[in-house]
Amino acid sequence: MKKNIRPKLYTLSTCVHCKATKRFLKEHGIDYDYVDVDLLEGEEEEKIRDEVVKVSGGFRFPTIVVGKKVIVGFYEDKLRKALGL
C-alpha cells in the first residue's frame, strides 16, 4: 500500500455499496475516515453535503478520496489502483 494514504469516505449508513467499500478497506487492513452523511443534521450536514459536491461533482455515494484521487462508487479495481494494492 502507498505510504501515509488514509482514504476519506463520504457514505450513507444504508448504502450497500458504501458498506462494501468499508468492508473492502477493513479486509485489507486499511485505516480510513468516514462520515455517514445521512446521519448528520443542521449546519454540519450542509457543510459535508457541500464538500461531497465539491470533490465529486455530484451527490453520489460512496465518494472516496484517496490522496488527490476521487472515486465515486465502489469499484474495487479503481480502489486497488489508488491504494497501490
C-alpha atoms as a PDB file:
ATOM      1  CA  MET A   1       0.000   0.000   0.000  1.00  0.00           C
ATOM      2  CA  LYS A   2       1.128   3.552  -0.662  1.00  0.00           C
ATOM      3  CA  LYS A   3       2.511   5.179   2.457  1.00  0.00           C
ATOM      4  CA  ASN A   4       0.545   7.668   4.511  1.00  0.00           C
ATOM      5  CA  ILE A   5      -2.615   7.440   2.462  1.00  0.00           C
ATOM      6  CA  ARG A   6      -5.716   7.387   4.631  1.00  0.00           C
ATOM      7  CA  PRO A   7      -8.855   7.327   2.491  1.00  0.00           C
ATOM      8  CA  LYS A   8     -11.766   9.572   3.373  1.00  0.00           C
ATOM      9  CA  LEU A   9     -15.214   8.178   2.638  1.00  0.00           C
ATOM     10  CA  TYR A  10     -18.463  10.058   2.275  1.00  0.00           C
ATOM     11  CA  THR A  11     -21.136   7.418   2.771  1.00  0.00           C
ATOM     12  CA  LEU A  12     -24.757   6.743   3.631  1.00  0.00           C
ATOM     13  CA  SER A  13     -25.495   4.432   6.562  1.00  0.00           C
ATOM     14  CA  THR A  14     -27.977   2.390   4.490  1.00  0.00           C
ATOM     15  CA  CYS A  15     -25.991   2.156   1.231  1.00  0.00           C
ATOM     16  CA  VAL A  16     -24.881  -1.373   0.264  1.00  0.00           C
ATOM     17  CA  HIS A  17     -22.034  -0.035  -1.901  1.00  0.00           C
ATOM     18  CA  CYS A  18     -20.821   2.109   0.988  1.00  0.00           C
ATOM     19  CA  LYS A  19     -20.834  -0.933   3.283  1.00  0.00           C
ATOM     20  CA  ALA A  20     -18.936  -2.932   0.657  1.00  0.00           C
ATOM     21  CA  THR A  21     -16.291  -0.188   0.459  1.00  0.00           C
ATOM     22  CA  LYS A  22     -15.816  -0.155   4.241  1.00  0.00           C
ATOM     23  CA  ARG A  23     -15.638  -3.967   4.291  1.00  0.00           C
ATOM     24  CA  PHE A  24     -13.049  -3.995   1.474  1.00  0.00           C
ATOM     25  CA  LEU A  25     -10.826  -1.496   3.305  1.00  0.00           C
ATOM     26  CA  LYS A  26     -11.163  -3.362   6.606  1.00  0.00           C
ATOM     27  CA  GLU A  27     -10.317  -6.701   4.937  1.00  0.00           C
ATOM     28  CA  HIS A  28      -7.136  -5.128   3.567  1.00  0.00           C
ATOM     29  CA  GLY A  29      -6.168  -3.599   6.929  1.00  0.00           C
ATOM     30  CA  ILE A  30      -6.534  -0.030   5.670  1.00  0.00           C
ATOM     31  CA  ASP A  31      -7.452   2.639   8.194  1.00  0.00           C
ATOM     32  CA  TYR A  32      -9.882   5.197   6.845  1.00  0.00           C
ATOM     33  CA  ASP A  33     -12.006   8.125   7.901  1.00  0.00           C
ATOM     34  CA  TYR A  34     -15.676   8.273   7.005  1.00  0.00           C
ATOM     35  CA  VAL A  35     -18.823  10.244   7.546  1.00  0.00           C
ATOM     36  CA  ASP A  36     -22.332   8.859   7.128  1.00  0.00           C
ATOM     37  CA  VAL A  37     -23.898  11.925   5.543  1.00  0.00           C
ATOM     38  CA  ASP A  38     -27.471  10.793   6.182  1.00  0.00           C
ATOM     39  CA  LEU A  39     -26.867  10.770   9.947  1.00  0.00           C
ATOM     40  CA  LEU A  40     -25.807  14.422  10.106  1.00  0.00           C
ATOM     41  CA  GLU A  41     -28.068  17.355  10.889  1.00  0.00           C
ATOM     42  CA  GLY A  42     -28.174  21.110  10.501  1.00  0.00           C
ATOM     43  CA  GLU A  43     -25.070  23.110   9.615  1.00  0.00           C
ATOM     44  CA  GLU A  44     -22.798  20.073   9.814  1.00  0.00           C
ATOM     45  CA  GLU A  45     -24.937  18.258   7.236  1.00  0.00           C
ATOM     46  CA  GLU A  46     -24.914  21.285   4.907  1.00  0.00           C
ATOM     47  CA  LYS A  47     -21.135  21.632   5.199  1.00  0.00           C
ATOM     48  CA  ILE A  48     -20.498  17.960   4.408  1.00  0.00           C
ATOM     49  CA  ARG A  49     -23.055  17.940   1.550  1.00  0.00           C
ATOM     50  CA  ASP A  50     -21.198  20.895   0.017  1.00  0.00           C
ATOM     51  CA  GLU A  51     -17.877  19.038   0.456  1.00  0.00           C
ATOM     52  CA  VAL A  52     -19.236  15.960  -1.351  1.00  0.00           C
ATOM     53  CA  VAL A  53     -20.467  18.029  -4.292  1.00  0.00           C
ATOM     54  CA  LYS A  54     -17.176  19.950  -4.429  1.00  0.00           C
ATOM     55  CA  VAL A  55     -14.946  16.865  -4.528  1.00  0.00           C
ATOM     56  CA  SER A  56     -17.138  14.609  -6.676  1.00  0.00           C
ATOM     57  CA  GLY A  57     -19.124  16.984  -8.864  1.00  0.00           C
ATOM     58  CA  GLY A  58     -22.369  15.470  -7.634  1.00  0.00           C
ATOM     59  CA  PHE A  59     -24.134  13.918  -4.691  1.00  0.00           C
ATOM     60  CA  ARG A  60     -23.473  10.194  -5.084  1.00  0.00           C
ATOM     61  CA  PHE A  61     -22.245   7.556  -2.696  1.00  0.00           C
ATOM     62  CA  PRO A  62     -19.822   6.314  -1.778  1.00  0.00           C
ATOM     63  CA  THR A  63     -17.474   9.138  -2.635  1.00  0.00           C
ATOM     64  CA  ILE A  64     -13.947   8.022  -1.798  1.00  0.00           C
ATOM     65  CA  VAL A  65     -10.983  10.389  -1.612  1.00  0.00           C
ATOM     66  CA  VAL A  66      -7.538   8.772  -1.754  1.00  0.00           C
ATOM     67  CA  GLY A  67      -4.886  11.469  -1.788  1.00  0.00           C
ATOM     68  CA  LYS A  68      -5.789  13.596  -4.817  1.00  0.00           C
ATOM     69  CA  LYS A  69      -7.834  10.822  -6.455  1.00  0.00           C
ATOM     70  CA  VAL A  70     -11.626  10.770  -6.156  1.00  0.00           C
ATOM     71  CA  ILE A  71     -13.607   7.597  -6.820  1.00  0.00           C
ATOM     72  CA  VAL A  72     -17.397   7.778  -6.945  1.00  0.00           C
ATOM     73  CA  GLY A  73     -18.967   4.379  -6.350  1.00  0.00           C
ATOM     74  CA  PHE A  74     -17.466   1.098  -5.210  1.00  0.00           C
ATOM     75  CA  TYR A  75     -15.092  -0.008  -7.938  1.00  0.00           C
ATOM     76  CA  GLU A  76     -12.663  -2.497  -6.446  1.00  0.00           C
ATOM     77  CA  ASP A  77     -10.203  -2.186  -9.344  1.00  0.00           C
ATOM     78  CA  LYS A  78     -10.043   1.621  -9.089  1.00  0.00           C
ATOM     79  CA  LEU A  79      -9.711   1.422  -5.313  1.00  0.00           C
ATOM     80  CA  ARG A  80      -6.897  -1.142  -5.534  1.00  0.00           C
ATOM     81  CA  LYS A  81      -5.032   1.059  -8.004  1.00  0.00           C
ATOM     82  CA  ALA A  82      -5.474   4.242  -5.933  1.00  0.00           C
ATOM     83  CA  LEU A  83      -4.281   2.429  -2.798  1.00  0.00           C
ATOM     84  CA  GLY A  84      -1.418   0.629  -4.526  1.00  0.00           C
ATOM     85  CA  LEU A  85      -2.743  -2.850  -3.652  1.00  0.00           C
END
